[in-house]
Amino acid sequence: MTLMTRRERGARLGLVVLGIGVLTTALLAPILLAACAAPSAVVSAPPSSPAASRPVTSPPPAARTPSPAPLVAWRGPVEHLFFHTLVIRPELAFRDPRQGKGFRDYFVTVGEFRAILDQLYANGWTLVDIHRAVAGTVRVPAGRRPLVISEDDVNYYRYEAGLGLGTRLVRDGDRVRVEVTDGHGGVRVTDEDLVPLVDDFVDQHPDFSADGARGVLAPTGYEGLFGERVDAGTAKQRAERRQRVRDVAATLIAHGWVIASHGFGHIDYRTSSLAADRLDVQRWKAEAEPLLGPTDVFVYPFGAEPPPGSAKLSMLRAEGFRILCDIDVVPRMVRTDGVVVMSRRHVDGIALAQQRRALAPLFDTATVVDAAARR
């Protein structure tokens, strides 16, 4: 990925860098106002002693399978695509009178994601670890190109309940799958979400992953983690939920997934105060990190990056975050203020409708979009 100073980046894109930046073109216009589907939460001070302080449980015995083909060094740009949790039943999500437009704009369906995976593989892309991408040590099978994928808001928020999305991640043997409601008051466990779909695809196509890489998962903390409401219910229920989060996190990490912070309260780093940002990070450290483990990857809520030289960057660096992710329409990496900012392309209903040319090297939006579901 090309490394540029922030000034060079701004000059090339023709934008004024103000937080997440003034829009480069109409292409970015709808993205930066609502790049993440989650609302922000008011964040209060963290408890003086975290309710859960045990370290992440030992990973299950499942091992990360190395790439079967010989790997060669890659020196070019590294693409990064991000998604939200997947729409399993579009007839519920897309037609909801209150939330339907948001789901159509900022989410993709299970069928669309499956088609995207097929085309990414056919077009020669291979998943790589974000740390290797930042370090410049990417390796891929000869003739293939590197790709990072990430998923934001892996929380299964309350507002999504009953609208055709998953309800929580669960460990099922040595795999992670998703639990969904069956429409009759019960639940079922399925592979119809990003994590199990990627895991299954790599099992079927081992050269779609280099060095055991999968992707980056970026939850917030204010409504629990991975769909578990870890601060709700009785003491026994909270303890059980927290242990389930530890087990899911350990299984994900063992399979090559990287867990990032999407902030505790999903606040806007462009407009919030330094004090509010620091408090948000402290709550993540106190309440999420004991369950998920430490991370050095921070995914800006809304893609809202603070301006260069901001004290917020120094604060994030001091808290251990070395890789920061914003949003752009091209693969880009910037080293600034002791951190690396890796830009990501959004893949959602807006991108499928408006960015066919930009996304063409990766997949053809016209052939992956489920037009019937989106009517």
Protein backbone atom coordinates (compact mmCIF):
# COMPACT_ATOMS: atom_id res chain seq x y z
CA MET A 1 0.00 0.00 0.00
CA THR A 2 1.32 3.42 -0.91
CA LEU A 3 2.58 5.37 2.09
CA MET A 4 1.90 9.10 1.97
CA THR A 5 2.02 12.02 4.32
CA ARG A 6 -1.38 13.43 5.19
CA ARG A 7 -0.58 16.59 3.21
CA GLU A 8 0.24 14.54 0.11
CA ARG A 9 -2.92 12.56 0.59
CA GLY A 10 -5.04 15.68 0.82
CA ALA A 11 -3.41 17.21 -2.22
CA ARG A 12 -4.02 14.13 -4.32
CA LEU A 13 -7.66 13.84 -3.32
CA GLY A 14 -8.31 17.57 -3.50
CA LEU A 15 -9.88 17.72 -0.04
CA VAL A 16 -9.49 19.80 3.06
CA VAL A 17 -8.71 17.55 6.00
CA LEU A 18 -11.16 18.40 8.74
CA GLY A 19 -11.70 15.38 10.99
CA ILE A 20 -12.99 12.79 8.57
CA GLY A 21 -12.42 15.24 5.77
CA VAL A 22 -14.58 17.30 3.50
CA LEU A 23 -15.97 15.10 0.75
CA THR A 24 -13.57 14.32 -2.04
CA THR A 25 -16.31 13.78 -4.63
CA ALA A 26 -19.95 12.87 -4.70
CA LEU A 27 -18.73 9.29 -4.34
CA LEU A 28 -17.99 9.83 -0.68
CA ALA A 29 -20.95 12.06 0.07
CA PRO A 30 -23.35 9.55 1.60
CA ILE A 31 -20.64 7.59 3.39
CA LEU A 32 -19.12 9.88 5.93
CA LEU A 33 -22.34 11.04 7.53
CA ALA A 34 -23.45 7.50 8.35
CA ALA A 35 -20.54 5.18 7.72
CA CYS A 36 -21.52 2.99 10.63
CA ALA A 37 -25.01 1.81 11.31
CA ALA A 38 -24.78 2.12 15.08
CA PRO A 39 -25.94 5.16 17.03
CA SER A 40 -23.58 6.72 19.55
CA ALA A 41 -23.90 6.16 23.25
CA VAL A 42 -23.39 8.59 26.11
CA VAL A 43 -20.35 7.23 27.90
CA SER A 44 -20.00 7.57 31.64
CA ALA A 45 -16.91 6.89 33.72
CA PRO A 46 -15.76 3.27 33.87
CA PRO A 47 -16.25 1.36 37.11
CA SER A 48 -13.37 1.54 39.54
CA SER A 49 -12.88 -2.22 39.26
CA PRO A 50 -13.99 -4.05 36.10
CA ALA A 51 -16.68 -6.60 36.69
CA ALA A 52 -14.75 -9.10 34.57
CA SER A 53 -10.98 -9.10 34.84
CA ARG A 54 -10.03 -12.63 33.90
CA PRO A 55 -7.86 -12.94 30.80
CA VAL A 56 -9.17 -14.39 27.58
CA THR A 57 -9.55 -18.14 27.89
CA SER A 58 -7.08 -20.38 26.11
CA PRO A 59 -7.96 -20.92 22.48
CA PRO A 60 -9.62 -24.21 21.59
CA PRO A 61 -7.47 -26.81 19.87
CA ALA A 62 -8.43 -25.73 16.36
CA ALA A 63 -5.28 -24.57 14.56
CA ARG A 64 -4.91 -21.96 11.89
CA THR A 65 -4.35 -23.70 8.59
CA PRO A 66 -1.42 -22.24 6.63
CA SER A 67 -1.78 -21.45 2.96
CA PRO A 68 -1.13 -24.58 0.88
CA ALA A 69 0.55 -22.72 -1.98
CA PRO A 70 4.04 -21.18 -1.69
CA LEU A 71 3.81 -17.54 -0.68
CA VAL A 72 5.72 -14.69 -2.28
CA ALA A 73 6.37 -11.19 -0.99
CA TRP A 74 4.00 -8.40 -2.07
CA ARG A 75 5.17 -4.80 -2.38
CA GLY A 76 2.11 -3.05 -3.82
CA PRO A 77 -1.04 -1.57 -2.28
CA VAL A 78 -3.29 -3.65 -0.02
CA GLU A 79 -7.04 -3.32 -0.45
CA HIS A 80 -9.31 -3.13 2.60
CA LEU A 81 -13.08 -3.65 2.41
CA PHE A 82 -15.46 -3.31 5.32
CA PHE A 83 -18.98 -4.57 5.92
CA HIS A 84 -21.57 -4.59 8.66
CA THR A 85 -23.30 -7.70 9.95
CA LEU A 86 -25.27 -9.35 7.17
CA VAL A 87 -28.97 -9.19 6.39
CA ILE A 88 -30.31 -12.74 6.54
CA ARG A 89 -33.97 -11.98 5.77
CA PRO A 90 -34.19 -8.91 3.52
CA GLU A 91 -37.97 -9.15 3.40
CA LEU A 92 -37.91 -8.09 7.06
CA ALA A 93 -34.92 -5.75 7.15
CA PHE A 94 -35.45 -3.81 3.93
CA ARG A 95 -39.18 -3.36 4.35
CA ASP A 96 -39.23 -2.18 7.94
CA PRO A 97 -40.90 1.26 7.95
CA ARG A 98 -38.42 2.79 10.40
CA GLN A 99 -35.13 1.01 9.70
CA GLY A 100 -35.55 -0.28 6.16
CA LYS A 101 -33.73 2.52 4.36
CA GLY A 102 -30.77 2.28 6.72
CA PHE A 103 -30.49 -1.46 6.16
CA ARG A 104 -30.74 -1.03 2.38
CA ASP A 105 -28.09 1.72 2.38
CA TYR A 106 -25.51 0.40 4.85
CA PHE A 107 -25.81 -3.40 4.78
CA VAL A 108 -25.53 -6.26 2.30
CA THR A 109 -27.43 -9.53 2.28
CA VAL A 110 -26.06 -13.00 2.86
CA GLY A 111 -26.57 -13.77 -0.84
CA GLU A 112 -24.73 -10.63 -1.90
CA PHE A 113 -21.83 -11.40 0.41
CA ARG A 114 -21.55 -14.94 -0.89
CA ALA A 115 -21.43 -13.60 -4.46
CA ILE A 116 -18.78 -11.06 -3.42
CA LEU A 117 -16.61 -13.81 -1.92
CA ASP A 118 -16.92 -15.86 -5.09
CA GLN A 119 -15.83 -12.95 -7.27
CA LEU A 120 -13.03 -11.84 -4.96
CA TYR A 121 -11.58 -15.32 -5.18
CA ALA A 122 -12.10 -15.62 -8.93
CA ASN A 123 -10.43 -12.23 -9.44
CA GLY A 124 -7.29 -13.33 -7.62
CA TRP A 125 -7.64 -11.77 -4.15
CA THR A 126 -6.33 -13.39 -0.97
CA LEU A 127 -6.97 -12.43 2.65
CA VAL A 128 -3.96 -11.14 4.59
CA ASP A 129 -3.44 -10.06 8.18
CA ILE A 130 -3.76 -6.34 8.87
CA HIS A 131 -0.55 -6.34 10.91
CA ARG A 132 1.41 -7.75 7.97
CA ALA A 133 -0.20 -5.14 5.71
CA VAL A 134 0.95 -2.31 7.98
CA ALA A 135 4.40 -3.80 8.53
CA GLY A 136 5.02 -4.31 4.80
CA THR A 137 5.50 -8.06 5.21
CA VAL A 138 2.52 -9.23 3.16
CA ARG A 139 2.86 -12.58 1.41
CA VAL A 140 0.37 -14.08 -1.04
CA PRO A 141 0.30 -17.08 -3.36
CA ALA A 142 2.02 -16.23 -6.64
CA GLY A 143 -0.32 -14.43 -9.03
CA ARG A 144 -2.76 -13.34 -6.33
CA ARG A 145 -3.31 -9.96 -4.64
CA PRO A 146 -3.75 -9.06 -0.94
CA LEU A 147 -6.98 -8.00 0.71
CA VAL A 148 -8.04 -7.17 4.26
CA ILE A 149 -11.71 -7.39 5.17
CA SER A 150 -13.30 -6.02 8.32
CA GLU A 151 -16.72 -5.99 9.92
CA ASP A 152 -17.96 -3.06 12.00
CA ASP A 153 -20.49 -3.04 14.87
CA VAL A 154 -20.31 -6.76 15.57
CA ASN A 155 -22.79 -6.28 18.39
CA TYR A 156 -26.22 -7.27 17.08
CA TYR A 157 -27.81 -4.16 18.55
CA ARG A 158 -31.24 -4.11 20.11
CA TYR A 159 -32.65 -2.00 17.28
CA GLU A 160 -31.92 -4.89 14.88
CA ALA A 161 -33.97 -7.42 16.85
CA GLY A 162 -36.65 -9.17 14.84
CA LEU A 163 -35.60 -7.50 11.59
CA GLY A 164 -33.90 -10.37 9.82
CA LEU A 165 -30.32 -10.13 11.14
CA GLY A 166 -28.42 -12.34 13.55
CA THR A 167 -28.81 -11.97 17.30
CA ARG A 168 -25.40 -13.07 18.61
CA LEU A 169 -22.23 -14.98 17.78
CA VAL A 170 -21.94 -18.39 19.43
CA ARG A 171 -19.21 -20.98 19.68
CA ASP A 172 -20.35 -24.23 18.12
CA GLY A 173 -17.66 -26.84 18.64
CA ASP A 174 -14.44 -25.29 17.37
CA ARG A 175 -16.23 -22.80 15.10
CA VAL A 176 -18.09 -19.54 15.55
CA ARG A 177 -21.56 -19.30 14.03
CA VAL A 178 -24.52 -16.95 14.41
CA GLU A 179 -27.74 -17.39 16.31
CA VAL A 180 -30.95 -16.10 14.70
CA THR A 181 -34.60 -16.08 15.67
CA ASP A 182 -36.73 -18.52 13.72
CA GLY A 183 -39.84 -16.34 13.58
CA HIS A 184 -41.78 -18.69 15.87
CA GLY A 185 -40.38 -17.72 19.25
CA GLY A 186 -37.35 -19.98 18.99
CA VAL A 187 -33.77 -19.66 17.80
CA ARG A 188 -31.47 -21.55 15.47
CA VAL A 189 -27.73 -21.50 14.83
CA THR A 190 -26.63 -20.90 11.25
CA ASP A 191 -23.66 -20.02 9.07
CA GLU A 192 -25.48 -17.07 7.49
CA ASP A 193 -23.19 -14.27 8.65
CA LEU A 194 -19.79 -12.89 7.75
CA VAL A 195 -17.58 -14.86 10.15
CA PRO A 196 -18.83 -18.40 9.40
CA LEU A 197 -19.14 -17.64 5.69
CA VAL A 198 -15.52 -16.52 5.48
CA ASP A 199 -14.33 -19.46 7.58
CA ASP A 200 -16.20 -21.92 5.36
CA PHE A 201 -14.94 -20.24 2.19
CA VAL A 202 -11.33 -20.51 3.34
CA ASP A 203 -11.88 -24.18 4.15
CA GLN A 204 -13.06 -24.69 0.57
CA HIS A 205 -10.42 -22.41 -1.00
CA PRO A 206 -7.27 -22.48 1.16
CA ASP A 207 -5.40 -20.07 -1.12
CA PHE A 208 -8.00 -17.40 -0.28
CA SER A 209 -6.09 -16.92 2.99
CA ALA A 210 -2.37 -16.27 3.46
CA ASP A 211 -0.67 -17.12 6.75
CA GLY A 212 -4.01 -18.16 8.27
CA ALA A 213 -5.55 -14.68 7.98
CA ARG A 214 -9.29 -14.07 8.15
CA GLY A 215 -10.37 -10.50 8.89
CA VAL A 216 -10.86 -7.74 11.47
CA LEU A 217 -13.91 -7.63 13.75
CA ALA A 218 -14.69 -4.25 15.33
CA PRO A 219 -17.37 -4.24 18.04
CA THR A 220 -18.39 -1.35 20.26
CA GLY A 221 -19.05 -1.90 23.96
CA TYR A 222 -22.13 0.02 25.03
CA GLU A 223 -24.66 -2.72 24.22
CA GLY A 224 -22.50 -5.66 25.11
CA LEU A 225 -20.22 -7.68 22.83
CA PHE A 226 -21.00 -10.09 19.98
CA GLY A 227 -24.70 -9.91 20.91
CA GLU A 228 -24.18 -10.82 24.57
CA ARG A 229 -25.63 -8.18 26.94
CA VAL A 230 -22.79 -8.56 29.41
CA ASP A 231 -24.05 -5.87 31.82
CA ALA A 232 -27.70 -6.94 31.93
CA GLY A 233 -29.51 -9.55 33.97
CA THR A 234 -28.63 -11.27 37.22
CA ALA A 235 -25.08 -11.73 38.46
CA LYS A 236 -25.18 -15.35 37.27
CA GLN A 237 -26.44 -14.34 33.83
CA ARG A 238 -23.78 -11.65 33.50
CA ALA A 239 -21.02 -14.11 34.44
CA GLU A 240 -22.29 -16.67 31.92
CA ARG A 241 -22.54 -14.08 29.15
CA ARG A 242 -19.05 -12.77 29.82
CA GLN A 243 -17.63 -16.26 29.71
CA ARG A 244 -19.37 -16.89 26.40
CA VAL A 245 -17.78 -13.70 25.01
CA ARG A 246 -14.34 -14.91 26.17
CA ASP A 247 -14.91 -18.27 24.52
CA VAL A 248 -16.07 -16.73 21.24
CA ALA A 249 -13.14 -14.28 21.22
CA ALA A 250 -10.62 -17.04 21.88
CA THR A 251 -12.07 -19.18 19.08
CA LEU A 252 -12.05 -16.27 16.63
CA ILE A 253 -8.43 -15.42 17.40
CA ALA A 254 -7.42 -19.07 17.06
CA HIS A 255 -8.90 -19.08 13.55
CA GLY A 256 -7.02 -15.99 12.40
CA TRP A 257 -9.49 -13.21 13.17
CA VAL A 258 -8.21 -9.92 14.63
CA ILE A 259 -10.41 -8.13 17.15
CA ALA A 260 -10.32 -4.34 17.01
CA SER A 261 -11.93 -1.57 19.02
CA HIS A 262 -14.71 0.44 17.37
CA GLY A 263 -14.82 2.62 20.46
CA PHE A 264 -16.93 1.89 23.51
CA GLY A 265 -19.75 4.34 22.78
CA HIS A 266 -19.40 4.79 19.00
CA ILE A 267 -18.64 8.50 19.38
CA ASP A 268 -17.57 10.83 16.60
CA TYR A 269 -13.85 11.62 16.94
CA ARG A 270 -14.26 14.56 14.60
CA THR A 271 -16.57 16.48 16.92
CA SER A 272 -16.11 15.00 20.41
CA SER A 273 -13.76 16.48 22.99
CA LEU A 274 -10.43 14.97 23.94
CA ALA A 275 -11.80 14.32 27.43
CA ALA A 276 -14.78 12.42 26.00
CA ASP A 277 -12.51 10.37 23.74
CA ARG A 278 -10.21 9.50 26.61
CA LEU A 279 -13.14 8.45 28.76
CA ASP A 280 -14.45 6.30 25.93
CA VAL A 281 -11.11 4.53 25.59
CA GLN A 282 -10.94 4.02 29.35
CA ARG A 283 -14.32 2.33 29.33
CA TRP A 284 -13.19 0.05 26.48
CA LYS A 285 -10.08 -0.88 28.45
CA ALA A 286 -12.05 -1.48 31.63
CA GLU A 287 -15.06 -3.35 30.28
CA ALA A 288 -14.37 -4.79 26.81
CA GLU A 289 -10.67 -5.59 26.88
CA PRO A 290 -10.89 -8.06 29.82
CA LEU A 291 -13.31 -10.13 27.73
CA LEU A 292 -11.84 -9.72 24.24
CA GLY A 293 -8.14 -9.33 25.02
CA PRO A 294 -5.90 -6.38 24.14
CA THR A 295 -5.82 -4.91 20.65
CA ASP A 296 -3.69 -2.35 18.84
CA VAL A 297 -6.30 -1.73 16.10
CA PHE A 298 -8.80 1.12 16.41
CA VAL A 299 -11.57 1.57 13.84
CA TYR A 300 -12.90 5.13 13.87
CA PRO A 301 -16.68 5.25 14.42
CA PHE A 302 -18.27 6.90 11.36
CA GLY A 303 -14.78 6.84 9.80
CA ALA A 304 -14.35 10.14 11.67
CA GLU A 305 -10.62 10.71 11.79
CA PRO A 306 -9.30 13.66 13.86
CA PRO A 307 -7.07 16.21 12.09
CA PRO A 308 -3.29 15.70 11.78
CA GLY A 309 -1.35 16.64 14.88
CA SER A 310 -4.43 16.26 17.06
CA ALA A 311 -3.86 15.36 20.68
CA LYS A 312 -6.38 12.58 20.08
CA LEU A 313 -3.83 10.70 17.99
CA SER A 314 -1.26 10.97 20.78
CA MET A 315 -3.87 9.73 23.25
CA LEU A 316 -4.75 6.71 21.10
CA ARG A 317 -1.08 5.90 20.61
CA ALA A 318 -0.43 6.18 24.35
CA GLU A 319 -3.31 3.75 24.96
CA GLY A 320 -1.64 1.17 22.74
CA PHE A 321 -3.44 1.70 19.42
CA ARG A 322 -0.95 1.66 16.55
CA ILE A 323 -3.25 0.91 13.59
CA LEU A 324 -6.14 3.29 12.95
CA CYS A 325 -8.74 2.73 10.25
CA ASP A 326 -10.74 5.42 8.45
CA ILE A 327 -12.74 5.43 5.20
CA ASP A 328 -11.68 6.26 1.65
CA VAL A 329 -12.50 5.13 -1.89
CA VAL A 330 -8.99 3.91 -2.72
CA PRO A 331 -6.44 1.77 -0.86
CA ARG A 332 -4.27 4.10 1.15
CA MET A 333 -1.93 3.99 4.10
CA VAL A 334 -0.55 7.02 5.97
CA ARG A 335 2.10 7.09 8.69
CA THR A 336 1.54 10.04 10.99
CA ASP A 337 2.02 10.95 14.65
CA GLY A 338 3.50 7.55 15.49
CA VAL A 339 0.55 5.56 14.10
CA VAL A 340 -0.48 4.07 10.77
CA VAL A 341 -3.84 5.02 9.28
CA MET A 342 -5.20 2.40 6.89
CA SER A 343 -8.15 3.44 4.77
CA ARG A 344 -11.04 1.11 3.98
CA ARG A 345 -13.65 1.02 1.25
CA HIS A 346 -17.24 0.59 2.44
CA VAL A 347 -19.25 -2.21 0.86
CA ASP A 348 -22.99 -1.71 1.35
CA GLY A 349 -26.12 -0.83 -0.54
CA ILE A 350 -24.79 2.61 -1.46
CA ALA A 351 -21.56 1.18 -2.84
CA LEU A 352 -23.41 -1.48 -4.82
CA ALA A 353 -25.59 1.21 -6.38
CA GLN A 354 -23.00 3.93 -7.00
CA GLN A 355 -19.47 2.50 -7.15
CA ARG A 356 -19.43 -0.11 -9.90
CA ARG A 357 -16.37 1.36 -11.61
CA ALA A 358 -14.40 1.89 -8.39
CA LEU A 359 -15.06 -1.64 -7.16
CA ALA A 360 -14.65 -3.35 -10.54
CA PRO A 361 -11.13 -4.72 -9.82
CA LEU A 362 -12.60 -6.56 -6.84
CA PHE A 363 -16.10 -7.58 -7.94
CA ASP A 364 -18.89 -6.53 -10.26
CA THR A 365 -21.58 -4.76 -8.28
CA ALA A 366 -24.18 -5.31 -11.00
CA THR A 367 -23.94 -9.07 -10.75
CA VAL A 368 -23.69 -9.40 -6.96
CA VAL A 369 -26.55 -7.07 -6.02
CA ASP A 370 -29.83 -8.76 -5.11
CA ALA A 371 -32.08 -6.38 -7.05
CA ALA A 372 -35.25 -8.29 -6.23
CA ALA A 373 -34.62 -8.09 -2.49
CA ARG A 374 -33.84 -4.37 -2.72
CA ARG A 375 -36.98 -3.34 -4.61
